Each structure stands twice: as structure tokens, then as C-alpha cells.
């Protein structure tokens, strides 16, 4: 490997959220109508995001953030790394999205089929 060579890969992301995968796994999902949907998956759907670097924004499930609360998932808005959020199991997705809305505005309006309340 050559010394001093770094490759940069461009993405379209304008913001990102980190979600603790270990917390999600301990809750066996914990969100959605049947409380079986992981928080990261629910956030992607609610914010209208796709996976990958070509999406406008990203929700990334990371291995473990080291906080390990009971009955909650740790979430970090990368634009505000000094403010870690504990999302209680079964929390209303509309409230979570409202918390993130300032930094990650919705690309499409909330719909009834998303199971969310209009803001």
C-alpha cells in the first residue's frame, strides 16, 4: 500500500443519524404498529430515505454506542454530536421525526399509510 494515498468517495448526504444496533437488537425491533420494526428501518421509511451514498440523507445502524439503556435505543444526530438521544421502545415516530426535522427536513409529506400523524 502506498503511503499518503487516500481515496475520497463522494456522497449526496446532507445529514445523517446514527442508531445503536445493539440496543435495537435487545428490543427485537421495538417500534412500529406491532413493535417488531427496528428504529433505523422505521426512520428511513418515515423520512422517505433510501439506503446508500446516493440518498439525500442517511440513517446508519452502528454496532454499539456504549450507553446501553434499558428499553430504549441510543440515537445520535451527526449534526449535533453533543446531544445523544434515548428513544424509548414504542415511541411515536412522529415525535422522533419532529426532533430530527430541523436538521433533516422531510423530502415528502407524512402520509396516513406511514402510520404517522401530520405535523
PDB file of N, CA and C in Angstrom:
ATOM      1  N   UNK A   1       0.836  -1.183   0.000  1.00  0.00           N
ATOM      2  CA  UNK A   1       0.000   0.000   0.000  1.00  0.00           C
ATOM      3  C   UNK A   1       0.877   1.241   0.000  1.00  0.00           C
ATOM      4  N   UNK A   2       0.526   2.193  -0.837  1.00  0.00           N
ATOM      5  CA  UNK A   2       1.320   3.402  -0.947  1.00  0.00           C
ATOM      6  C   UNK A   2       1.063   4.326   0.228  1.00  0.00           C
ATOM      7  N   UNK A   3       2.106   4.949   0.714  1.00  0.00           N
ATOM      8  CA  UNK A   3       1.969   5.874   1.838  1.00  0.00           C
ATOM      9  C   UNK A   3       1.371   7.199   1.362  1.00  0.00           C
ATOM     10  N   UNK A   4       0.472   7.750   2.161  1.00  0.00           N
ATOM     11  CA  UNK A   4      -0.082   9.066   1.860  1.00  0.00           C
ATOM     12  C   UNK A   4      -1.182   9.077   0.814  1.00  0.00           C
ATOM     13  N   UNK A   5      -1.656   7.931   0.391  1.00  0.00           N
ATOM     14  CA  UNK A   5      -2.705   7.887  -0.622  1.00  0.00           C
ATOM     15  C   UNK A   5      -4.049   7.643   0.064  1.00  0.00           C
ATOM     16  N   UNK A   6      -4.937   8.603  -0.115  1.00  0.00           N
ATOM     17  CA  UNK A   6      -6.284   8.485   0.447  1.00  0.00           C
ATOM     18  C   UNK A   6      -7.270   8.715  -0.679  1.00  0.00           C
ATOM     19  N   UNK A   7      -8.231   7.826  -0.776  1.00  0.00           N
ATOM     20  CA  UNK A   7      -9.278   7.984  -1.781  1.00  0.00           C
ATOM     21  C   UNK A   7     -10.508   8.578  -1.115  1.00  0.00           C
ATOM     22  N   UNK A   8     -11.149   9.494  -1.797  1.00  0.00           N
ATOM     23  CA  UNK A   8     -12.364  10.120  -1.292  1.00  0.00           C
ATOM     24  C   UNK A   8     -13.528   9.656  -2.153  1.00  0.00           C
ATOM     25  N   UNK A   9     -14.583   9.220  -1.500  1.00  0.00           N
ATOM     26  CA  UNK A   9     -15.778   8.763  -2.185  1.00  0.00           C
ATOM     27  C   UNK A   9     -16.888   9.765  -1.910  1.00  0.00           C
ATOM     28  N   UNK A  10     -17.416  10.369  -2.949  1.00  0.00           N
ATOM     29  CA  UNK A  10     -18.444  11.390  -2.786  1.00  0.00           C
ATOM     30  C   UNK A  10     -19.798  10.760  -2.473  1.00  0.00           C
ATOM     31  N   UNK A  11     -20.583  11.474  -1.693  1.00  0.00           N
ATOM     32  CA  UNK A  11     -21.949  11.055  -1.429  1.00  0.00           C
ATOM     33  C   UNK A  11     -22.851  12.280  -1.539  1.00  0.00           C
ATOM     34  N   UNK A  12     -24.150  12.034  -1.577  1.00  0.00           N
ATOM     35  CA  UNK A  12     -25.113  13.126  -1.661  1.00  0.00           C
ATOM     36  C   UNK A  12     -25.684  13.481  -0.286  1.00  0.00           C
ATOM     37  N   UNK A  13     -25.197  12.834   0.753  1.00  0.00           N
ATOM     38  CA  UNK A  13     -25.750  13.041   2.079  1.00  0.00           C
ATOM     39  C   UNK A  13     -25.590  14.479   2.543  1.00  0.00           C
ATOM     40  N   UNK A  14     -26.668  15.024   3.085  1.00  0.00           N
ATOM     41  CA  UNK A  14     -26.645  16.358   3.667  1.00  0.00           C
ATOM     42  C   UNK A  14     -26.771  16.269   5.180  1.00  0.00           C
ATOM     43  N   UNK A  15     -26.965  15.081   5.695  1.00  0.00           N
ATOM     44  CA  UNK A  15     -27.087  14.842   7.125  1.00  0.00           C
ATOM     45  C   UNK A  15     -27.185  13.358   7.376  1.00  0.00           C
ATOM     46  N   UNK A  16     -26.925  12.963   8.629  1.00  0.00           N
ATOM     47  CA  UNK A  16     -27.020  11.551   8.958  1.00  0.00           C
ATOM     48  C   UNK A  16     -27.385  11.364  10.428  1.00  0.00           C
ATOM     49  N   UNK A  17     -27.954  10.209  10.709  1.00  0.00           N
ATOM     50  CA  UNK A  17     -28.333   9.823  12.062  1.00  0.00           C
ATOM     51  C   UNK A  17     -27.722   8.457  12.323  1.00  0.00           C
ATOM     52  N   UNK A  18     -27.114   8.304  13.502  1.00  0.00           N
ATOM     53  CA  UNK A  18     -26.550   7.026  13.908  1.00  0.00           C
ATOM     54  C   UNK A  18     -27.498   6.383  14.907  1.00  0.00           C
ATOM     55  N   UNK A  19     -27.818   5.116  14.695  1.00  0.00           N
ATOM     56  CA  UNK A  19     -28.714   4.374  15.574  1.00  0.00           C
ATOM     57  C   UNK A  19     -27.959   3.150  16.085  1.00  0.00           C
ATOM     58  N   UNK A  20     -27.997   2.926  17.398  1.00  0.00           N
ATOM     59  CA  UNK A  20     -27.280   1.803  18.004  1.00  0.00           C
ATOM     60  C   UNK A  20     -27.934   0.474  17.628  1.00  0.00           C
ATOM     61  N   UNK A  21     -27.196  -0.367  16.956  1.00  0.00           N
ATOM     62  CA  UNK A  21     -27.706  -1.661  16.526  1.00  0.00           C
ATOM     63  C   UNK A  21     -27.865  -2.643  17.676  1.00  0.00           C
ATOM     64  N   UNK A  22     -27.003  -2.553  18.684  1.00  0.00           N
ATOM     65  CA  UNK A  22     -27.093  -3.462  19.825  1.00  0.00           C
ATOM     66  C   UNK A  22     -28.370  -3.183  20.621  1.00  0.00           C
ATOM     67  N   UNK A  23     -28.685  -1.896  20.822  1.00  0.00           N
ATOM     68  CA  UNK A  23     -29.936  -1.532  21.522  1.00  0.00           C
ATOM     69  C   UNK A  23     -31.146  -2.040  20.744  1.00  0.00           C
ATOM     70  N   UNK A  24     -31.113  -1.860  19.426  1.00  0.00           N
ATOM     71  CA  UNK A  24     -32.227  -2.302  18.584  1.00  0.00           C
ATOM     72  C   UNK A  24     -32.408  -3.810  18.674  1.00  0.00           C
ATOM     73  N   UNK A  25     -31.304  -4.524  18.680  1.00  0.00           N
ATOM     74  CA  UNK A  25     -31.370  -5.979  18.743  1.00  0.00           C
ATOM     75  C   UNK A  25     -31.933  -6.441  20.091  1.00  0.00           C
ATOM     76  N   UNK A  26     -31.553  -5.765  21.179  1.00  0.00           N
ATOM     77  CA  UNK A  26     -32.059  -6.126  22.508  1.00  0.00           C
ATOM     78  C   UNK A  26     -33.571  -5.916  22.610  1.00  0.00           C
ATOM     79  N   UNK A  27     -34.101  -4.946  21.872  1.00  0.00           N
ATOM     80  CA  UNK A  27     -35.543  -4.687  21.885  1.00  0.00           C
ATOM     81  C   UNK A  27     -36.293  -5.557  20.882  1.00  0.00           C
ATOM     82  N   UNK A  28     -35.578  -6.306  20.053  1.00  0.00           N
ATOM     83  CA  UNK A  28     -36.189  -7.125  18.990  1.00  0.00           C
ATOM     84  C   UNK A  28     -37.073  -6.254  18.106  1.00  0.00           C
ATOM     85  N   UNK A  29     -36.557  -5.118  17.712  1.00  0.00           N
ATOM     86  CA  UNK A  29     -37.316  -4.156  16.905  1.00  0.00           C
ATOM     87  C   UNK A  29     -37.800  -3.052  17.816  1.00  0.00           C
ATOM     88  N   UNK A  30     -38.951  -3.259  18.449  1.00  0.00           N
ATOM     89  CA  UNK A  30     -39.452  -2.330  19.454  1.00  0.00           C
ATOM     90  C   UNK A  30     -40.256  -1.149  18.951  1.00  0.00           C
ATOM     91  N   UNK A  31     -40.400  -1.007  17.625  1.00  0.00           N
ATOM     92  CA  UNK A  31     -41.098   0.155  17.078  1.00  0.00           C
ATOM     93  C   UNK A  31     -42.097  -0.275  16.013  1.00  0.00           C
ATOM     94  N   UNK A  32     -42.948   0.632  15.620  1.00  0.00           N
ATOM     95  CA  UNK A  32     -43.967   0.338  14.626  1.00  0.00           C
ATOM     96  C   UNK A  32     -45.229  -0.190  15.278  1.00  0.00           C
ATOM     97  N   UNK A  33     -46.225  -0.493  14.451  1.00  0.00           N
ATOM     98  CA  UNK A  33     -47.522  -0.948  14.949  1.00  0.00           C
ATOM     99  C   UNK A  33     -47.422  -2.209  15.798  1.00  0.00           C
ATOM    100  N   UNK A  34     -46.622  -3.166  15.346  1.00  0.00           N
ATOM    101  CA  UNK A  34     -46.506  -4.433  16.070  1.00  0.00           C
ATOM    102  C   UNK A  34     -45.264  -4.499  16.956  1.00  0.00           C
ATOM    103  N   UNK A  35     -44.542  -3.373  17.040  1.00  0.00           N
ATOM    104  CA  UNK A  35     -43.299  -3.284  17.825  1.00  0.00           C
ATOM    105  C   UNK A  35     -42.265  -4.327  17.411  1.00  0.00           C
ATOM    106  N   UNK A  36     -42.180  -4.556  16.119  1.00  0.00           N
ATOM    107  CA  UNK A  36     -41.195  -5.508  15.594  1.00  0.00           C
ATOM    108  C   UNK A  36     -40.209  -4.845  14.638  1.00  0.00           C
ATOM    109  N   UNK A  37     -40.420  -3.582  14.341  1.00  0.00           N
ATOM    110  CA  UNK A  37     -39.595  -2.877  13.360  1.00  0.00           C
ATOM    111  C   UNK A  37     -38.435  -2.166  14.053  1.00  0.00           C
ATOM    112  N   UNK A  38     -37.198  -2.357  13.573  1.00  0.00           N
ATOM    113  CA  UNK A  38     -36.059  -1.630  14.144  1.00  0.00           C
ATOM    114  C   UNK A  38     -36.190  -0.122  13.889  1.00  0.00           C
ATOM    115  N   UNK A  39     -35.655   0.678  14.799  1.00  0.00           N
ATOM    116  CA  UNK A  39     -35.754   2.134  14.694  1.00  0.00           C
ATOM    117  C   UNK A  39     -35.149   2.657  13.397  1.00  0.00           C
ATOM    118  N   UNK A  40     -33.992   2.148  12.994  1.00  0.00           N
ATOM    119  CA  UNK A  40     -33.332   2.635  11.774  1.00  0.00           C
ATOM    120  C   UNK A  40     -34.231   2.439  10.551  1.00  0.00           C
ATOM    121  N   UNK A  41     -34.842   1.279  10.442  1.00  0.00           N
ATOM    122  CA  UNK A  41     -35.716   0.980   9.305  1.00  0.00           C
ATOM    123  C   UNK A  41     -36.948   1.892   9.317  1.00  0.00           C
ATOM    124  N   UNK A  42     -37.512   2.104  10.495  1.00  0.00           N
ATOM    125  CA  UNK A  42     -38.686   2.959  10.623  1.00  0.00           C
ATOM    126  C   UNK A  42     -38.366   4.410  10.280  1.00  0.00           C
ATOM    127  N   UNK A  43     -37.192   4.885  10.698  1.00  0.00           N
ATOM    128  CA  UNK A  43     -36.782   6.258  10.380  1.00  0.00           C
ATOM    129  C   UNK A  43     -36.565   6.440   8.879  1.00  0.00           C
ATOM    130  N   UNK A  44     -35.926   5.460   8.245  1.00  0.00           N
ATOM    131  CA  UNK A  44     -35.729   5.556   6.791  1.00  0.00           C
ATOM    132  C   UNK A  44     -37.064   5.688   6.071  1.00  0.00           C
ATOM    133  N   UNK A  45     -38.038   4.887   6.490  1.00  0.00           N
ATOM    134  CA  UNK A  45     -39.359   4.924   5.854  1.00  0.00           C
ATOM    135  C   UNK A  45     -40.064   6.243   6.141  1.00  0.00           C
ATOM    136  N   UNK A  46     -40.022   6.702   7.386  1.00  0.00           N
ATOM    137  CA  UNK A  46     -40.717   7.926   7.771  1.00  0.00           C
ATOM    138  C   UNK A  46     -40.114   9.160   7.111  1.00  0.00           C
ATOM    139  N   UNK A  47     -38.798   9.150   6.907  1.00  0.00           N
ATOM    140  CA  UNK A  47     -38.124  10.290   6.285  1.00  0.00           C
ATOM    141  C   UNK A  47     -38.059  10.157   4.764  1.00  0.00           C
ATOM    142  N   UNK A  48     -38.534   9.036   4.228  1.00  0.00           N
ATOM    143  CA  UNK A  48     -38.523   8.831   2.781  1.00  0.00           C
ATOM    144  C   UNK A  48     -37.131   8.654   2.223  1.00  0.00           C
ATOM    145  N   UNK A  49     -36.254   8.002   2.981  1.00  0.00           N
ATOM    146  CA  UNK A  49     -34.860   7.835   2.570  1.00  0.00           C
ATOM    147  C   UNK A  49     -34.618   6.478   1.937  1.00  0.00           C
ATOM    148  N   UNK A  50     -33.604   6.442   1.115  1.00  0.00           N
ATOM    149  CA  UNK A  50     -33.144   5.193   0.539  1.00  0.00           C
ATOM    150  C   UNK A  50     -31.815   4.847   1.179  1.00  0.00           C
ATOM    151  N   UNK A  51     -31.355   3.615   0.999  1.00  0.00           N
ATOM    152  CA  UNK A  51     -30.055   3.210   1.512  1.00  0.00           C
ATOM    153  C   UNK A  51     -28.967   3.664   0.550  1.00  0.00           C
ATOM    154  N   UNK A  52     -27.771   3.800   1.070  1.00  0.00           N
ATOM    155  CA  UNK A  52     -26.624   4.058   0.216  1.00  0.00           C
ATOM    156  C   UNK A  52     -26.207   5.509   0.137  1.00  0.00           C
ATOM    157  N   UNK A  53     -25.080   5.724  -0.498  1.00  0.00           N
ATOM    158  CA  UNK A  53     -24.490   7.053  -0.562  1.00  0.00           C
ATOM    159  C   UNK A  53     -25.188   7.979  -1.535  1.00  0.00           C
ATOM    160  N   UNK A  54     -26.062   7.462  -2.391  1.00  0.00           N
ATOM    161  CA  UNK A  54     -26.763   8.300  -3.355  1.00  0.00           C
ATOM    162  C   UNK A  54     -28.054   8.896  -2.788  1.00  0.00           C
ATOM    163  N   UNK A  55     -28.410   8.517  -1.559  1.00  0.00           N
ATOM    164  CA  UNK A  55     -29.582   9.095  -0.904  1.00  0.00           C
ATOM    165  C   UNK A  55     -29.262  10.528  -0.472  1.00  0.00           C
ATOM    166  N   UNK A  56     -30.293  11.307  -0.202  1.00  0.00           N
ATOM    167  CA  UNK A  56     -30.092  12.682   0.246  1.00  0.00           C
ATOM    168  C   UNK A  56     -29.547  12.746   1.667  1.00  0.00           C
ATOM    169  N   UNK A  57     -29.995  11.833   2.497  1.00  0.00           N
ATOM    170  CA  UNK A  57     -29.589  11.769   3.888  1.00  0.00           C
ATOM    171  C   UNK A  57     -29.445  10.303   4.277  1.00  0.00           C
ATOM    172  N   UNK A  58     -28.838  10.051   5.426  1.00  0.00           N
ATOM    173  CA  UNK A  58     -28.630   8.662   5.808  1.00  0.00           C
ATOM    174  C   UNK A  58     -29.000   8.356   7.244  1.00  0.00           C
ATOM    175  N   UNK A  59     -29.509   7.166   7.446  1.00  0.00           N
ATOM    176  CA  UNK A  59     -29.731   6.609   8.773  1.00  0.00           C
ATOM    177  C   UNK A  59     -28.859   5.365   8.826  1.00  0.00           C
ATOM    178  N   UNK A  60     -27.861   5.387   9.703  1.00  0.00           N
ATOM    179  CA  UNK A  60     -26.879   4.314   9.767  1.00  0.00           C
ATOM    180  C   UNK A  60     -27.003   3.592  11.097  1.00  0.00           C
ATOM    181  N   UNK A  61     -27.166   2.272  11.028  1.00  0.00           N
ATOM    182  CA  UNK A  61     -27.190   1.472  12.240  1.00  0.00           C
ATOM    183  C   UNK A  61     -25.759   1.054  12.529  1.00  0.00           C
ATOM    184  N   UNK A  62     -25.227   1.509  13.665  1.00  0.00           N
ATOM    185  CA  UNK A  62     -23.844   1.212  14.044  1.00  0.00           C
ATOM    186  C   UNK A  62     -23.827   0.064  15.055  1.00  0.00           C
ATOM    187  N   UNK A  63     -22.665  -0.517  15.271  1.00  0.00           N
ATOM    188  CA  UNK A  63     -22.556  -1.707  16.108  1.00  0.00           C
ATOM    189  C   UNK A  63     -23.007  -1.459  17.557  1.00  0.00           C
ATOM    190  N   UNK A  64     -22.349  -0.570  18.270  1.00  0.00           N
ATOM    191  CA  UNK A  64     -22.730  -0.266  19.656  1.00  0.00           C
ATOM    192  C   UNK A  64     -22.171   1.103  20.022  1.00  0.00           C
ATOM    193  N   UNK A  65     -22.989   1.903  20.690  1.00  0.00           N
ATOM    194  CA  UNK A  65     -22.554   3.238  21.107  1.00  0.00           C
ATOM    195  C   UNK A  65     -22.105   3.266  22.569  1.00  0.00           C
ATOM    196  N   UNK A  66     -22.242   2.135  23.278  1.00  0.00           N
ATOM    197  CA  UNK A  66     -21.691   2.014  24.614  1.00  0.00           C
ATOM    198  C   UNK A  66     -22.526   2.592  25.748  1.00  0.00           C
ATOM    199  N   UNK A  67     -23.736   3.053  25.487  1.00  0.00           N
ATOM    200  CA  UNK A  67     -24.570   3.615  26.540  1.00  0.00           C
ATOM    201  C   UNK A  67     -25.461   2.531  27.147  1.00  0.00           C
ATOM    202  N   UNK A  68     -26.064   1.710  26.324  1.00  0.00           N
ATOM    203  CA  UNK A  68     -26.872   0.553  26.716  1.00  0.00           C
ATOM    204  C   UNK A  68     -27.976   0.845  27.733  1.00  0.00           C
ATOM    205  N   UNK A  69     -28.951   1.701  27.383  1.00  0.00           N
ATOM    206  CA  UNK A  69     -30.065   1.962  28.292  1.00  0.00           C
ATOM    207  C   UNK A  69     -31.060   0.801  28.262  1.00  0.00           C
ATOM    208  N   UNK A  70     -31.885   0.703  29.293  1.00  0.00           N
ATOM    209  CA  UNK A  70     -32.920  -0.332  29.318  1.00  0.00           C
ATOM    210  C   UNK A  70     -34.145   0.185  28.577  1.00  0.00           C
ATOM    211  N   UNK A  71     -34.733  -0.657  27.735  1.00  0.00           N
ATOM    212  CA  UNK A  71     -35.969  -0.351  26.995  1.00  0.00           C
ATOM    213  C   UNK A  71     -35.884   0.910  26.148  1.00  0.00           C
ATOM    214  N   UNK A  72     -34.720   1.172  25.587  1.00  0.00           N
ATOM    215  CA  UNK A  72     -34.543   2.345  24.729  1.00  0.00           C
ATOM    216  C   UNK A  72     -33.421   2.082  23.724  1.00  0.00           C
ATOM    217  N   UNK A  73     -33.385   2.919  22.690  1.00  0.00           N
ATOM    218  CA  UNK A  73     -32.341   2.851  21.667  1.00  0.00           C
ATOM    219  C   UNK A  73     -31.619   4.198  21.652  1.00  0.00           C
ATOM    220  N   UNK A  74     -30.288   4.155  21.591  1.00  0.00           N
ATOM    221  CA  UNK A  74     -29.496   5.381  21.531  1.00  0.00           C
ATOM    222  C   UNK A  74     -29.414   5.835  20.083  1.00  0.00           C
ATOM    223  N   UNK A  75     -29.636   7.135  19.874  1.00  0.00           N
ATOM    224  CA  UNK A  75     -29.622   7.712  18.527  1.00  0.00           C
ATOM    225  C   UNK A  75     -28.825   9.012  18.583  1.00  0.00           C
ATOM    226  N   UNK A  76     -27.979   9.244  17.578  1.00  0.00           N
ATOM    227  CA  UNK A  76     -27.180  10.462  17.505  1.00  0.00           C
ATOM    228  C   UNK A  76     -27.425  11.139  16.164  1.00  0.00           C
ATOM    229  N   UNK A  77     -27.799  12.396  16.224  1.00  0.00           N
ATOM    230  CA  UNK A  77     -27.892  13.217  15.021  1.00  0.00           C
ATOM    231  C   UNK A  77     -26.475  13.733  14.773  1.00  0.00           C
ATOM    232  N   UNK A  78     -25.874  13.350  13.656  1.00  0.00           N
ATOM    233  CA  UNK A  78     -24.479  13.695  13.391  1.00  0.00           C
ATOM    234  C   UNK A  78     -24.250  15.199  13.307  1.00  0.00           C
ATOM    235  N   UNK A  79     -25.289  15.978  13.053  1.00  0.00           N
ATOM    236  CA  UNK A  79     -25.157  17.435  13.026  1.00  0.00           C
ATOM    237  C   UNK A  79     -25.052  18.002  14.441  1.00  0.00           C
ATOM    238  N   UNK A  80     -25.483  17.227  15.442  1.00  0.00           N
ATOM    239  CA  UNK A  80     -25.424  17.644  16.841  1.00  0.00           C
ATOM    240  C   UNK A  80     -24.814  16.520  17.676  1.00  0.00           C
ATOM    241  N   UNK A  81     -23.523  16.239  17.500  1.00  0.00           N
ATOM    242  CA  UNK A  81     -22.913  15.092  18.173  1.00  0.00           C
ATOM    243  C   UNK A  81     -22.823  15.245  19.694  1.00  0.00           C
ATOM    244  N   UNK A  82     -23.064  16.436  20.207  1.00  0.00           N
ATOM    245  CA  UNK A  82     -23.023  16.648  21.649  1.00  0.00           C
ATOM    246  C   UNK A  82     -24.358  16.316  22.320  1.00  0.00           C
ATOM    247  N   UNK A  83     -25.345  15.930  21.527  1.00  0.00           N
ATOM    248  CA  UNK A  83     -26.693  15.674  22.038  1.00  0.00           C
ATOM    249  C   UNK A  83     -27.128  14.265  21.637  1.00  0.00           C
ATOM    250  N   UNK A  84     -26.957  13.296  22.523  1.00  0.00           N
ATOM    251  CA  UNK A  84     -27.362  11.924  22.260  1.00  0.00           C
ATOM    252  C   UNK A  84     -28.784  11.738  22.737  1.00  0.00           C
ATOM    253  N   UNK A  85     -29.585  11.021  21.985  1.00  0.00           N
ATOM    254  CA  UNK A  85     -30.992  10.835  22.319  1.00  0.00           C
ATOM    255  C   UNK A  85     -31.267   9.382  22.691  1.00  0.00           C
ATOM    256  N   UNK A  86     -32.070   9.196  23.741  1.00  0.00           N
ATOM    257  CA  UNK A  86     -32.538   7.875  24.128  1.00  0.00           C
ATOM    258  C   UNK A  86     -33.989   7.781  23.696  1.00  0.00           C
ATOM    259  N   UNK A  87     -34.272   6.912  22.744  1.00  0.00           N
ATOM    260  CA  UNK A  87     -35.618   6.756  22.201  1.00  0.00           C
ATOM    261  C   UNK A  87     -36.249   5.539  22.861  1.00  0.00           C
ATOM    262  N   UNK A  88     -37.279   5.776  23.661  1.00  0.00           N
ATOM    263  CA  UNK A  88     -37.939   4.682  24.373  1.00  0.00           C
ATOM    264  C   UNK A  88     -38.654   3.753  23.405  1.00  0.00           C
ATOM    265  N   UNK A  89     -38.653   2.466  23.723  1.00  0.00           N
ATOM    266  CA  UNK A  89     -39.332   1.467  22.899  1.00  0.00           C
ATOM    267  C   UNK A  89     -40.787   1.870  22.713  1.00  0.00           C
ATOM    268  N   UNK A  90     -41.278   1.776  21.502  1.00  0.00           N
ATOM    269  CA  UNK A  90     -42.663   2.107  21.203  1.00  0.00           C
ATOM    270  C   UNK A  90     -42.929   3.595  21.071  1.00  0.00           C
ATOM    271  N   UNK A  91     -41.891   4.427  21.090  1.00  0.00           N
ATOM    272  CA  UNK A  91     -42.077   5.877  20.964  1.00  0.00           C
ATOM    273  C   UNK A  91     -42.751   6.220  19.647  1.00  0.00           C
ATOM    274  N   UNK A  92     -43.502   7.299  19.644  1.00  0.00           N
ATOM    275  CA  UNK A  92     -44.206   7.765  18.455  1.00  0.00           C
ATOM    276  C   UNK A  92     -43.194   8.247  17.412  1.00  0.00           C
ATOM    277  N   UNK A  93     -43.264   7.679  16.235  1.00  0.00           N
ATOM    278  CA  UNK A  93     -42.321   8.024  15.171  1.00  0.00           C
ATOM    279  C   UNK A  93     -42.464   9.488  14.773  1.00  0.00           C
ATOM    280  N   UNK A  94     -43.679  10.017  14.840  1.00  0.00           N
ATOM    281  CA  UNK A  94     -43.897  11.430  14.521  1.00  0.00           C
ATOM    282  C   UNK A  94     -43.093  12.343  15.424  1.00  0.00           C
ATOM    283  N   UNK A  95     -43.001  12.006  16.709  1.00  0.00           N
ATOM    284  CA  UNK A  95     -42.213  12.805  17.649  1.00  0.00           C
ATOM    285  C   UNK A  95     -40.721  12.705  17.341  1.00  0.00           C
ATOM    286  N   UNK A  96     -40.282  11.517  16.994  1.00  0.00           N
ATOM    287  CA  UNK A  96     -38.865  11.323  16.660  1.00  0.00           C
ATOM    288  C   UNK A  96     -38.513  12.138  15.423  1.00  0.00           C
ATOM    289  N   UNK A  97     -39.373  12.079  14.412  1.00  0.00           N
ATOM    290  CA  UNK A  97     -39.144  12.819  13.170  1.00  0.00           C
ATOM    291  C   UNK A  97     -39.158  14.319  13.450  1.00  0.00           C
ATOM    292  N   UNK A  98     -40.066  14.777  14.311  1.00  0.00           N
ATOM    293  CA  UNK A  98     -40.129  16.191  14.664  1.00  0.00           C
ATOM    294  C   UNK A  98     -38.831  16.635  15.309  1.00  0.00           C
ATOM    295  N   UNK A  99     -38.246  15.783  16.144  1.00  0.00           N
ATOM    296  CA  UNK A  99     -36.971  16.094  16.787  1.00  0.00           C
ATOM    297  C   UNK A  99     -35.865  16.246  15.750  1.00  0.00           C
ATOM    298  N   UNK A 100     -35.899  15.408  14.720  1.00  0.00           N
ATOM    299  CA  UNK A 100     -34.869  15.447  13.680  1.00  0.00           C
ATOM    300  C   UNK A 100     -35.164  16.451  12.568  1.00  0.00           C
ATOM    301  N   UNK A 101     -36.377  16.918  12.469  1.00  0.00           N
ATOM    302  CA  UNK A 101     -36.822  17.723  11.333  1.00  0.00           C
ATOM    303  C   UNK A 101     -35.973  18.957  11.094  1.00  0.00           C
ATOM    304  N   UNK A 102     -35.495  19.606  12.140  1.00  0.00           N
ATOM    305  CA  UNK A 102     -34.696  20.813  11.972  1.00  0.00           C
ATOM    306  C   UNK A 102     -33.459  20.592  11.134  1.00  0.00           C
ATOM    307  N   UNK A 103     -32.840  19.442  11.289  1.00  0.00           N
ATOM    308  CA  UNK A 103     -31.605  19.148  10.571  1.00  0.00           C
ATOM    309  C   UNK A 103     -31.864  18.295   9.340  1.00  0.00           C
ATOM    310  N   UNK A 104     -32.859  17.417   9.430  1.00  0.00           N
ATOM    311  CA  UNK A 104     -33.153  16.509   8.330  1.00  0.00           C
ATOM    312  C   UNK A 104     -34.595  16.710   7.867  1.00  0.00           C
ATOM    313  N   UNK A 105     -34.886  17.794   7.145  1.00  0.00           N
ATOM    314  CA  UNK A 105     -36.269  18.029   6.721  1.00  0.00           C
ATOM    315  C   UNK A 105     -36.790  16.911   5.826  1.00  0.00           C
ATOM    316  N   UNK A 106     -38.082  16.677   5.905  1.00  0.00           N
ATOM    317  CA  UNK A 106     -38.714  15.625   5.115  1.00  0.00           C
ATOM    318  C   UNK A 106     -38.687  15.966   3.636  1.00  0.00           C
ATOM    319  N   UNK A 107     -38.457  14.962   2.821  1.00  0.00           N
ATOM    320  CA  UNK A 107     -38.490  15.150   1.373  1.00  0.00           C
ATOM    321  C   UNK A 107     -39.907  15.057   0.847  1.00  0.00           C
ATOM    322  N   UNK A 108     -40.773  14.390   1.585  1.00  0.00           N
ATOM    323  CA  UNK A 108     -42.160  14.254   1.158  1.00  0.00           C
ATOM    324  C   UNK A 108     -43.039  14.416   2.385  1.00  0.00           C
ATOM    325  N   UNK A 109     -44.283  14.818   2.211  1.00  0.00           N
ATOM    326  CA  UNK A 109     -45.159  14.981   3.373  1.00  0.00           C
ATOM    327  C   UNK A 109     -45.495  13.636   4.008  1.00  0.00           C
ATOM    328  N   UNK A 110     -45.793  13.674   5.314  1.00  0.00           N
ATOM    329  CA  UNK A 110     -46.205  12.461   6.008  1.00  0.00           C
ATOM    330  C   UNK A 110     -47.524  11.985   5.446  1.00  0.00           C
ATOM    331  N   UNK A 111     -47.672  10.662   5.318  1.00  0.00           N
ATOM    332  CA  UNK A 111     -48.900  10.092   4.778  1.00  0.00           C
ATOM    333  C   UNK A 111     -49.556   9.209   5.824  1.00  0.00           C
ATOM    334  N   UNK A 112     -50.825   9.012   5.686  1.00  0.00           N
ATOM    335  CA  UNK A 112     -51.572   8.179   6.623  1.00  0.00           C
ATOM    336  C   UNK A 112     -51.037   6.763   6.615  1.00  0.00           C
ATOM    337  N   UNK A 113     -50.666   6.238   5.454  1.00  0.00           N
ATOM    338  CA  UNK A 113     -50.176   4.861   5.375  1.00  0.00           C
ATOM    339  C   UNK A 113     -48.822   4.681   6.066  1.00  0.00           C
ATOM    340  N   UNK A 114     -48.118   5.778   6.361  1.00  0.00           N
ATOM    341  CA  UNK A 114     -46.870   5.682   7.130  1.00  0.00           C
ATOM    342  C   UNK A 114     -47.164   5.439   8.595  1.00  0.00           C
ATOM    343  N   UNK A 115     -48.411   5.606   9.004  1.00  0.00           N
ATOM    344  CA  UNK A 115     -48.776   5.430  10.399  1.00  0.00           C
ATOM    345  C   UNK A 115     -48.348   6.609  11.261  1.00  0.00           C
ATOM    346  N   UNK A 116     -48.158   7.771  10.624  1.00  0.00           N
ATOM    347  CA  UNK A 116     -47.684   8.953  11.325  1.00  0.00           C
ATOM    348  C   UNK A 116     -48.759  10.022  11.380  1.00  0.00           C
ATOM    349  N   UNK A 117     -48.658  10.866  12.363  1.00  0.00           N
ATOM    350  CA  UNK A 117     -49.576  11.991  12.466  1.00  0.00           C
ATOM    351  C   UNK A 117     -49.007  13.149  11.667  1.00  0.00           C
ATOM    352  N   UNK A 118     -49.867  13.892  11.002  1.00  0.00           N
ATOM    353  CA  UNK A 118     -49.411  15.055  10.250  1.00  0.00           C
ATOM    354  C   UNK A 118     -48.933  16.121  11.234  1.00  0.00           C
ATOM    355  N   UNK A 119     -47.855  16.775  10.872  1.00  0.00           N
ATOM    356  CA  UNK A 119     -47.301  17.799  11.769  1.00  0.00           C
ATOM    357  C   UNK A 119     -47.893  19.151  11.466  1.00  0.00           C
TER     358      UNK A 119
END
